[in-house]
Amino acid sequence: MHGDLYPARKIVLATTGTLGDLHPFLAIALRLREVGLHPVLAAMEDYRSVVEAEGIDFHAVRPGSAEMIAAGLDEAKVAHRVTGDLRAGFDLMLPHLDLTVADLTQAIVGADLVIGGTLSAVARIVAEAAGVSMVTVVLQPMGFLSVAEPPAMREVPFLPALRRYLGPGVVRALYAIGSARGRASMRPVTGLRRKLGLAPVGDELFDGPRRSERIFALYPPAFAPLPADAPSAAQSAGFAFYDGRDGTAGRLDPALEAFLCTGPSPLVFTLGSFAVFAPGCFYEASAEVARRLGRRAILLVGAHATDAYAGLASQSVAVAGYAPHSLLFARAAAVIQHGGMGTTAQALRAGVPQLVCPMFGDQFDNARRLRGLGVAERVPLRRYSAERASNALRRLLTRPGAAARARELVPGMTRDDGPSIIADWVAARVGALTRSSAA
């Protein structure tokens, strides 16, 4: 309905990371197109086919898997390095910084606005140098790095307790230590600001997003309200439930559909699109969990690994590469997952209990919040075993009210459509630019 008012205004969505990072931006791009804008998604070449299948313009940003392979790194090696130390992700990307800058500089030519994530540091710098306004999308509560309401992290799992008992000073001190530790690895990015004639910032990853014109939390207050010290430009939006074209079309693999129709609701085990490359013993132990509990199970092992795990399949255990979560989770007895925001949101929308097996990054904080909501248990992936997982699931599935609580939360988790809220704001913002230029 906005198409005649805002014709062909170019909005660049610059994201970095896994499919879990790409999918929310693709959901936003689709809504931007619906309000008559021209979204261009800038991401690594590996995602071109996914984006273009939706009819969204794509601009490749290096590095991608081609550059990683040239450096002797396949997906499994990258996954093991990053899940072992989150900073390794920057170590892998920064040697290609000049390529990234060149690609993003070209991508934003003619753009009215750039939308990025909290980790889109280079996109923010390039946009600032070009005089293009920046909007930051915060995909998870941890992204605010709040002092008032600090996240639980693998490195400092007790940070919320420290804040509660010792006050904000200790949180600030620990953040400062973390910032100092990462300063050396971020030096090329700091140098980029200087090279482009931009004023320095204290910490690019912490302060950079706060310089954005607008900050959207892409999750609802029912999952996590904005922290008390969130920037004044921040607002809550809601989850983005993009689940691939199969999810939109309502299709499950026929073999998986047949399995679902032949017995009780199964346990669904998944590690998302990235941790699936560094699963450890997760799938072998999960098949044993199903046997111990006398439950049917579906193991989503990744398309690359279906042959490797085919031996785990049985009459009561199905092995599949992937299935649209929006179609599968609502038919599950419980979802056992890594704690990524996309998977977490889909399980909350489905209204099913969860066993969260966090591995790195925000997953530990997401697990904490799910437990606080009364719908989850937690077993870190590095400690995952058939015994621990069986015990946790037994507690979860026999706990009075856990399933009812999961269903009770659904309205609050689905009420607000985050991508639509963002698209409407952008349309109004770009409309103001149109009126200003016309005047």
Protein backbone atom coordinates (compact mmCIF):
# COMPACT_ATOMS: atom_id res chain seq x y z
CA MET A 1 0.00 0.00 0.00
CA HIS A 2 3.04 2.26 0.35
CA GLY A 3 4.42 1.45 -3.10
CA ASP A 4 3.25 4.68 -4.82
CA LEU A 5 4.58 6.87 -2.02
CA TYR A 6 8.10 5.43 -1.74
CA PRO A 7 9.12 4.05 -5.14
CA ALA A 8 12.41 2.17 -5.40
CA ARG A 9 14.12 3.61 -2.32
CA LYS A 10 17.16 1.40 -1.77
CA ILE A 11 17.63 -0.16 1.66
CA VAL A 12 20.73 -2.30 2.22
CA LEU A 13 20.58 -5.10 4.77
CA ALA A 14 24.11 -6.08 5.75
CA THR A 15 24.44 -9.21 7.83
CA THR A 16 27.23 -11.54 8.81
CA GLY A 17 27.11 -15.03 10.25
CA THR A 18 25.04 -18.18 9.86
CA LEU A 19 21.60 -18.89 8.40
CA GLY A 20 20.30 -18.01 11.86
CA ASP A 21 21.61 -14.48 11.23
CA LEU A 22 20.54 -14.36 7.58
CA HIS A 23 16.93 -15.49 8.01
CA PRO A 24 15.77 -12.54 10.17
CA PHE A 25 17.26 -10.09 7.67
CA LEU A 26 15.61 -11.91 4.80
CA ALA A 27 12.29 -11.66 6.66
CA ILE A 28 12.83 -7.91 7.03
CA ALA A 29 13.76 -7.61 3.35
CA LEU A 30 10.52 -9.32 2.33
CA ARG A 31 8.49 -6.88 4.43
CA LEU A 32 10.42 -3.92 3.02
CA ARG A 33 9.50 -5.06 -0.46
CA GLU A 34 5.85 -5.33 0.58
CA VAL A 35 5.82 -1.64 1.59
CA GLY A 36 7.23 -0.60 -1.77
CA LEU A 37 10.93 -0.24 -0.96
CA HIS A 38 13.92 -1.79 -2.73
CA PRO A 39 15.79 -4.06 -0.32
CA VAL A 40 19.26 -5.33 -1.20
CA LEU A 41 20.68 -8.04 1.01
CA ALA A 42 24.48 -7.91 1.39
CA ALA A 43 25.94 -11.15 2.72
CA MET A 44 28.45 -13.82 1.81
CA GLU A 45 28.15 -15.42 -1.62
CA ASP A 46 27.05 -18.74 -0.10
CA TYR A 47 23.60 -17.27 0.58
CA ARG A 48 22.92 -15.89 -2.91
CA SER A 49 20.60 -18.72 -3.98
CA VAL A 50 18.59 -18.53 -0.73
CA VAL A 51 18.04 -14.78 -1.11
CA GLU A 52 17.43 -14.69 -4.85
CA ALA A 53 14.91 -17.55 -4.56
CA GLU A 54 12.74 -15.04 -2.69
CA GLY A 55 13.17 -12.44 -5.43
CA ILE A 56 15.34 -10.18 -3.25
CA ASP A 57 18.35 -8.47 -4.83
CA PHE A 58 21.65 -9.77 -3.52
CA HIS A 59 25.13 -8.30 -3.21
CA ALA A 60 27.99 -10.62 -2.28
CA VAL A 61 30.29 -9.57 0.57
CA ARG A 62 33.55 -11.40 1.12
CA PRO A 63 34.77 -13.49 2.84
CA GLY A 64 32.64 -16.54 2.23
CA SER A 65 33.33 -20.23 2.10
CA ALA A 66 35.52 -19.82 -1.01
CA GLU A 67 37.94 -17.63 0.94
CA MET A 68 37.78 -19.95 3.96
CA ILE A 69 38.53 -22.99 1.81
CA ALA A 70 41.43 -21.14 0.18
CA ALA A 71 42.77 -20.62 3.71
CA GLY A 72 42.46 -24.36 4.41
CA LEU A 73 39.28 -24.11 6.46
CA ASP A 74 36.10 -26.08 5.81
CA GLU A 75 32.79 -25.61 7.63
CA ALA A 76 33.68 -28.13 10.34
CA LYS A 77 37.00 -26.42 11.13
CA VAL A 78 35.36 -23.02 11.22
CA ALA A 79 32.60 -24.32 13.52
CA HIS A 80 35.07 -25.93 15.92
CA ARG A 81 37.18 -22.77 16.11
CA VAL A 82 34.30 -20.36 16.59
CA THR A 83 32.39 -22.49 19.08
CA GLY A 84 35.61 -22.90 21.05
CA ASP A 85 36.26 -19.15 21.18
CA LEU A 86 33.76 -16.61 19.84
CA ARG A 87 36.55 -14.14 19.07
CA ALA A 88 37.91 -16.62 16.54
CA GLY A 89 35.14 -15.48 14.23
CA PHE A 90 36.77 -12.07 13.96
CA ASP A 91 40.19 -13.64 13.53
CA LEU A 92 38.81 -15.49 10.50
CA MET A 93 37.15 -12.42 8.98
CA LEU A 94 39.67 -9.65 9.55
CA PRO A 95 42.39 -10.89 7.16
CA HIS A 96 39.85 -10.17 4.40
CA LEU A 97 38.93 -6.72 5.71
CA ASP A 98 39.90 -4.83 2.53
CA LEU A 99 37.65 -7.12 0.46
CA THR A 100 34.79 -6.65 2.90
CA VAL A 101 35.14 -2.88 2.80
CA ALA A 102 35.25 -2.82 -1.01
CA ASP A 103 32.17 -5.04 -1.31
CA LEU A 104 30.13 -3.09 1.24
CA THR A 105 31.17 0.27 -0.21
CA GLN A 106 29.82 -0.84 -3.57
CA ALA A 107 26.68 -2.32 -2.02
CA ILE A 108 25.56 0.88 -0.31
CA VAL A 109 25.95 3.17 -3.34
CA GLY A 110 22.61 4.92 -3.71
CA ALA A 111 21.21 3.54 -0.46
CA ASP A 112 18.95 5.64 1.77
CA LEU A 113 19.52 3.45 4.81
CA VAL A 114 21.68 0.54 5.95
CA ILE A 115 20.31 -2.08 8.34
CA GLY A 116 22.84 -4.27 10.13
CA GLY A 117 23.25 -6.48 13.16
CA THR A 118 25.22 -5.87 16.33
CA LEU A 119 28.24 -7.60 14.76
CA SER A 120 28.01 -5.65 11.48
CA ALA A 121 30.88 -3.39 12.54
CA VAL A 122 32.38 -2.91 9.09
CA ALA A 123 29.00 -2.09 7.56
CA ARG A 124 28.45 0.56 10.24
CA ILE A 125 31.82 2.15 9.54
CA VAL A 126 31.36 2.10 5.76
CA ALA A 127 27.85 3.57 6.10
CA GLU A 128 29.09 6.31 8.44
CA ALA A 129 31.89 7.20 6.03
CA ALA A 130 29.38 7.42 3.17
CA GLY A 131 26.98 9.55 5.21
CA VAL A 132 24.23 6.92 5.16
CA SER A 133 22.12 6.43 8.28
CA MET A 134 22.38 3.13 10.11
CA VAL A 135 19.75 1.01 11.83
CA THR A 136 20.87 -1.85 14.08
CA VAL A 137 18.84 -4.99 14.64
CA VAL A 138 19.61 -6.75 17.93
CA LEU A 139 18.76 -10.41 17.43
CA GLN A 140 19.15 -11.50 21.05
CA PRO A 141 19.01 -9.88 24.53
CA MET A 142 22.75 -10.46 25.02
CA GLY A 143 23.35 -8.00 22.16
CA PHE A 144 22.72 -5.02 24.45
CA LEU A 145 25.54 -6.03 26.81
CA SER A 146 23.53 -4.42 29.56
CA VAL A 147 25.08 -3.46 32.88
CA ALA A 148 21.67 -3.19 34.54
CA GLU A 149 20.59 -6.66 33.38
CA PRO A 150 23.74 -8.50 32.26
CA PRO A 151 23.58 -11.71 30.25
CA ALA A 152 24.81 -15.13 31.29
CA MET A 153 27.83 -16.05 29.18
CA ARG A 154 29.81 -19.25 28.90
CA GLU A 155 32.90 -17.36 30.07
CA VAL A 156 31.07 -15.64 32.97
CA PRO A 157 27.90 -17.66 33.66
CA PHE A 158 27.47 -16.03 37.06
CA LEU A 159 27.40 -12.43 35.74
CA PRO A 160 23.68 -11.87 36.54
CA ALA A 161 24.31 -13.09 40.11
CA LEU A 162 27.33 -10.79 40.47
CA ARG A 163 25.20 -7.85 39.40
CA ARG A 164 22.47 -8.82 41.83
CA TYR A 165 24.75 -9.19 44.85
CA LEU A 166 27.69 -6.86 44.14
CA GLY A 167 26.16 -4.13 42.01
CA PRO A 168 26.85 -2.71 38.54
CA GLY A 169 30.47 -1.78 39.19
CA VAL A 170 31.71 -5.34 38.96
CA VAL A 171 29.84 -5.84 35.67
CA ARG A 172 31.43 -2.72 34.18
CA ALA A 173 34.85 -3.96 35.29
CA LEU A 174 34.37 -7.35 33.68
CA TYR A 175 33.12 -5.74 30.47
CA ALA A 176 36.22 -3.52 30.46
CA ILE A 177 38.44 -6.58 30.85
CA GLY A 178 36.66 -8.31 27.99
CA SER A 179 36.98 -5.20 25.82
CA ALA A 180 40.71 -4.95 26.56
CA ARG A 181 41.23 -8.61 25.69
CA GLY A 182 39.53 -8.15 22.33
CA ARG A 183 41.20 -4.86 21.49
CA ALA A 184 44.17 -6.41 19.72
CA SER A 185 42.03 -8.56 17.43
CA MET A 186 39.83 -5.56 16.58
CA ARG A 187 42.78 -3.27 15.78
CA PRO A 188 42.27 -3.55 12.00
CA VAL A 189 38.69 -2.31 12.42
CA THR A 190 39.86 0.53 14.65
CA GLY A 191 42.41 1.39 11.99
CA LEU A 192 39.67 1.42 9.36
CA ARG A 193 37.82 4.18 11.19
CA ARG A 194 41.02 6.21 11.28
CA LYS A 195 41.76 5.51 7.61
CA LEU A 196 38.30 6.74 6.62
CA GLY A 197 38.65 9.88 8.72
CA LEU A 198 36.04 8.91 11.30
CA ALA A 199 36.14 9.74 14.99
CA PRO A 200 37.28 6.82 17.16
CA VAL A 201 34.88 5.00 19.45
CA GLY A 202 35.73 3.30 22.71
CA ASP A 203 34.75 -0.22 21.65
CA GLU A 204 33.47 -0.85 18.13
CA LEU A 205 31.32 -3.84 19.11
CA PHE A 206 29.80 -2.20 22.19
CA ASP A 207 29.64 1.49 21.27
CA GLY A 208 29.14 1.09 17.51
CA PRO A 209 25.55 -0.19 17.62
CA ARG A 210 24.61 2.53 20.11
CA ARG A 211 25.49 5.18 17.52
CA SER A 212 22.73 3.93 15.22
CA GLU A 213 19.76 6.13 14.39
CA ARG A 214 17.42 3.36 15.53
CA ILE A 215 17.91 0.07 17.34
CA PHE A 216 15.31 -2.69 17.11
CA ALA A 217 15.22 -5.65 19.47
CA LEU A 218 14.02 -8.48 17.21
CA TYR A 219 12.29 -10.33 20.02
CA PRO A 220 9.20 -9.50 22.08
CA PRO A 221 9.10 -8.11 25.63
CA ALA A 222 7.46 -11.40 26.64
CA PHE A 223 10.83 -13.07 26.01
CA ALA A 224 12.98 -10.23 27.33
CA PRO A 225 12.01 -6.59 27.96
CA LEU A 226 14.49 -3.90 26.96
CA PRO A 227 17.06 -3.48 29.73
CA ALA A 228 16.82 -0.37 31.87
CA ASP A 229 20.05 1.00 30.37
CA ALA A 230 19.14 0.37 26.72
CA PRO A 231 19.89 3.34 24.44
CA SER A 232 17.04 5.80 24.02
CA ALA A 233 16.91 4.91 20.31
CA ALA A 234 16.02 1.29 21.12
CA GLN A 235 12.57 -0.25 20.84
CA SER A 236 11.15 -3.74 21.11
CA ALA A 237 9.83 -5.29 17.92
CA GLY A 238 9.10 -9.02 17.90
CA PHE A 239 10.47 -12.29 16.57
CA ALA A 240 11.14 -12.88 12.87
CA PHE A 241 9.75 -16.30 12.00
CA TYR A 242 11.18 -16.76 8.52
CA ASP A 243 11.67 -20.48 7.98
CA GLY A 244 12.69 -20.91 4.37
CA ARG A 245 10.46 -21.29 1.35
CA ASP A 246 9.34 -24.77 2.42
CA GLY A 247 8.04 -23.35 5.66
CA THR A 248 6.06 -20.68 3.80
CA ALA A 249 4.70 -23.26 1.36
CA GLY A 250 3.71 -25.63 4.17
CA ARG A 251 5.72 -28.61 2.98
CA LEU A 252 7.47 -31.31 4.97
CA ASP A 253 9.52 -34.06 3.37
CA PRO A 254 7.08 -36.92 2.58
CA ALA A 255 9.15 -39.46 4.53
CA LEU A 256 9.17 -37.19 7.59
CA GLU A 257 5.43 -36.55 7.24
CA ALA A 258 4.82 -40.29 7.10
CA PHE A 259 6.92 -40.82 10.25
CA LEU A 260 4.98 -38.15 12.13
CA CYS A 261 1.69 -39.75 11.17
CA THR A 262 2.59 -43.22 12.42
CA GLY A 263 2.85 -42.64 16.16
CA PRO A 264 2.95 -40.26 19.13
CA SER A 265 4.58 -36.86 18.99
CA PRO A 266 8.36 -37.30 18.85
CA LEU A 267 11.26 -35.56 20.52
CA VAL A 268 12.99 -33.32 17.98
CA PHE A 269 16.77 -32.91 18.27
CA THR A 270 18.51 -30.12 16.32
CA LEU A 271 21.70 -28.04 16.44
CA GLY A 272 20.68 -25.41 13.91
CA SER A 273 22.68 -24.52 10.81
CA PHE A 274 26.14 -23.91 12.34
CA ALA A 275 26.69 -25.97 15.49
CA VAL A 276 25.57 -28.95 13.42
CA PHE A 277 29.10 -28.94 11.96
CA ALA A 278 30.60 -29.49 15.43
CA PRO A 279 28.06 -31.79 17.11
CA GLY A 280 30.36 -33.99 19.16
CA CYS A 281 28.36 -37.01 20.33
CA PHE A 282 25.06 -35.14 20.35
CA TYR A 283 23.20 -37.29 17.82
CA GLU A 284 24.44 -40.67 19.00
CA ALA A 285 23.58 -39.75 22.58
CA SER A 286 20.19 -38.38 21.49
CA ALA A 287 19.20 -41.66 19.83
CA GLU A 288 20.03 -43.36 23.12
CA VAL A 289 17.97 -40.76 25.01
CA ALA A 290 14.93 -41.67 22.93
CA ARG A 291 15.50 -45.37 23.63
CA ARG A 292 15.86 -44.82 27.40
CA LEU A 293 12.72 -42.71 27.58
CA GLY A 294 10.71 -44.97 25.29
CA ARG A 295 10.04 -42.03 22.98
CA ARG A 296 10.05 -41.55 19.24
CA ALA A 297 12.60 -39.06 17.94
CA ILE A 298 13.59 -37.02 14.91
CA LEU A 299 17.26 -36.13 14.53
CA LEU A 300 17.92 -33.10 12.30
CA VAL A 301 21.57 -33.70 11.47
CA GLY A 302 22.19 -31.30 8.57
CA ALA A 303 22.01 -32.12 4.88
CA HIS A 304 25.76 -32.76 4.83
CA ALA A 305 25.52 -35.54 7.43
CA THR A 306 22.44 -37.64 6.64
CA ASP A 307 24.55 -40.51 5.31
CA ALA A 308 26.91 -40.37 8.29
CA TYR A 309 24.01 -40.74 10.75
CA ALA A 310 21.80 -43.04 8.71
CA GLY A 311 22.73 -45.92 11.02
CA LEU A 312 20.89 -44.22 13.90
CA ALA A 313 17.54 -44.51 12.11
CA SER A 314 15.06 -47.12 13.27
CA GLN A 315 11.32 -47.64 13.46
CA SER A 316 11.20 -45.12 16.30
CA VAL A 317 14.01 -42.74 15.21
CA ALA A 318 13.97 -40.72 11.98
CA VAL A 319 17.08 -39.05 10.60
CA ALA A 320 16.68 -35.99 8.38
CA GLY A 321 18.90 -33.19 7.16
CA TYR A 322 16.52 -30.33 7.81
CA ALA A 323 12.81 -29.63 8.25
CA PRO A 324 11.00 -26.28 8.51
CA HIS A 325 10.73 -25.67 12.23
CA SER A 326 7.42 -23.86 11.84
CA LEU A 327 5.88 -27.07 10.50
CA LEU A 328 7.67 -29.59 12.69
CA PHE A 329 7.95 -28.17 16.20
CA ALA A 330 4.21 -27.88 16.86
CA ARG A 331 4.01 -31.64 16.34
CA ALA A 332 6.83 -32.40 18.80
CA ALA A 333 6.62 -33.53 22.41
CA ALA A 334 9.69 -31.41 23.14
CA VAL A 335 12.48 -29.68 21.22
CA ILE A 336 16.09 -30.36 22.16
CA GLN A 337 18.20 -27.59 20.67
CA HIS A 338 21.32 -25.44 20.93
CA GLY A 339 19.72 -22.20 22.06
CA GLY A 340 20.06 -20.14 18.88
CA MET A 341 17.47 -17.37 18.66
CA GLY A 342 15.79 -18.60 15.49
CA THR A 343 15.26 -22.09 16.86
CA THR A 344 14.28 -20.74 20.27
CA ALA A 345 11.67 -18.45 18.72
CA GLN A 346 10.17 -21.26 16.66
CA ALA A 347 9.90 -23.52 19.70
CA LEU A 348 8.26 -20.73 21.70
CA ARG A 349 5.78 -20.16 18.88
CA ALA A 350 5.03 -23.89 18.80
CA GLY A 351 4.31 -23.86 22.55
CA VAL A 352 6.45 -26.91 23.40
CA PRO A 353 8.93 -27.54 26.24
CA GLN A 354 12.64 -27.27 25.40
CA LEU A 355 15.90 -28.82 26.51
CA VAL A 356 18.60 -26.30 25.63
CA CYS A 357 22.17 -27.45 24.99
CA PRO A 358 24.13 -24.20 24.66
CA MET A 359 27.50 -24.20 22.98
CA PHE A 360 28.73 -20.61 22.62
CA GLY A 361 27.73 -16.97 22.32
CA ASP A 362 24.22 -15.91 23.28
CA GLN A 363 22.98 -19.49 23.65
CA PHE A 364 23.76 -19.64 27.38
CA ASP A 365 21.80 -16.47 28.07
CA ASN A 366 18.88 -17.64 25.95
CA ALA A 367 18.85 -20.90 27.92
CA ARG A 368 18.76 -18.96 31.18
CA ARG A 369 15.79 -16.91 30.02
CA LEU A 370 13.89 -19.99 28.85
CA ARG A 371 14.43 -21.64 32.23
CA GLY A 372 13.22 -18.46 33.90
CA LEU A 373 10.05 -18.66 31.84
CA GLY A 374 9.45 -22.17 33.17
CA VAL A 375 9.56 -23.98 29.81
CA ALA A 376 13.07 -25.41 29.63
CA GLU A 377 15.89 -27.40 31.18
CA ARG A 378 19.56 -26.94 30.29
CA VAL A 379 22.47 -29.30 29.59
CA PRO A 380 25.51 -27.59 27.99
CA LEU A 381 26.58 -29.34 24.82
CA ARG A 382 30.08 -30.02 26.15
CA ARG A 383 28.48 -32.02 29.01
CA TYR A 384 25.75 -33.62 26.91
CA SER A 385 25.34 -37.35 27.42
CA ALA A 386 22.52 -39.84 27.19
CA GLU A 387 22.28 -39.97 30.98
CA ARG A 388 22.25 -36.22 31.61
CA ALA A 389 19.87 -35.49 28.74
CA SER A 390 17.52 -38.33 29.73
CA ASN A 391 17.35 -37.08 33.30
CA ALA A 392 16.74 -33.49 32.23
CA LEU A 393 14.04 -34.47 29.76
CA ARG A 394 12.38 -36.75 32.26
CA ARG A 395 12.17 -33.82 34.71
CA LEU A 396 10.89 -31.53 31.99
CA LEU A 397 8.26 -33.87 30.58
CA THR A 398 6.93 -34.93 33.97
CA ARG A 399 6.95 -31.47 35.55
CA PRO A 400 3.38 -30.39 36.29
CA GLY A 401 2.44 -27.44 34.13
CA ALA A 402 5.57 -27.22 31.93
CA ALA A 403 3.72 -28.03 28.71
CA ALA A 404 0.78 -25.84 29.73
CA ARG A 405 3.16 -22.99 30.53
CA ALA A 406 4.75 -23.32 27.06
CA ARG A 407 1.30 -23.06 25.46
CA GLU A 408 0.35 -20.16 27.71
CA LEU A 409 3.32 -18.11 26.50
CA VAL A 410 2.48 -18.40 22.79
CA PRO A 411 0.30 -15.25 22.44
CA GLY A 412 2.96 -13.02 23.96
CA MET A 413 5.67 -14.54 21.77
CA THR A 414 3.72 -14.11 18.53
CA ARG A 415 1.69 -10.93 19.04
CA ASP A 416 4.21 -8.57 17.41
CA ASP A 417 5.69 -9.14 13.95
CA GLY A 418 9.20 -7.75 14.22
CA PRO A 419 9.95 -7.48 10.48
CA SER A 420 6.68 -5.62 9.85
CA ILE A 421 7.35 -3.17 12.69
CA ILE A 422 10.80 -2.46 11.26
CA ALA A 423 9.54 -2.16 7.67
CA ASP A 424 6.80 0.28 8.67
CA TRP A 425 9.32 2.44 10.55
CA VAL A 426 11.71 2.40 7.58
CA ALA A 427 8.89 3.30 5.18
CA ALA A 428 7.95 6.28 7.33
CA ARG A 429 11.62 7.28 7.68
CA VAL A 430 12.25 7.07 3.93
CA GLY A 431 8.97 8.88 3.29
CA ALA A 432 10.28 11.75 5.39
CA LEU A 433 13.41 11.79 3.25
CA THR A 434 11.25 11.87 0.10
CA ARG A 435 9.20 14.82 1.36
CA SER A 436 12.33 16.63 2.49
CA SER A 437 14.06 16.24 -0.87
CA ALA A 438 10.90 17.29 -2.73
CA ALA A 439 10.69 20.46 -0.65
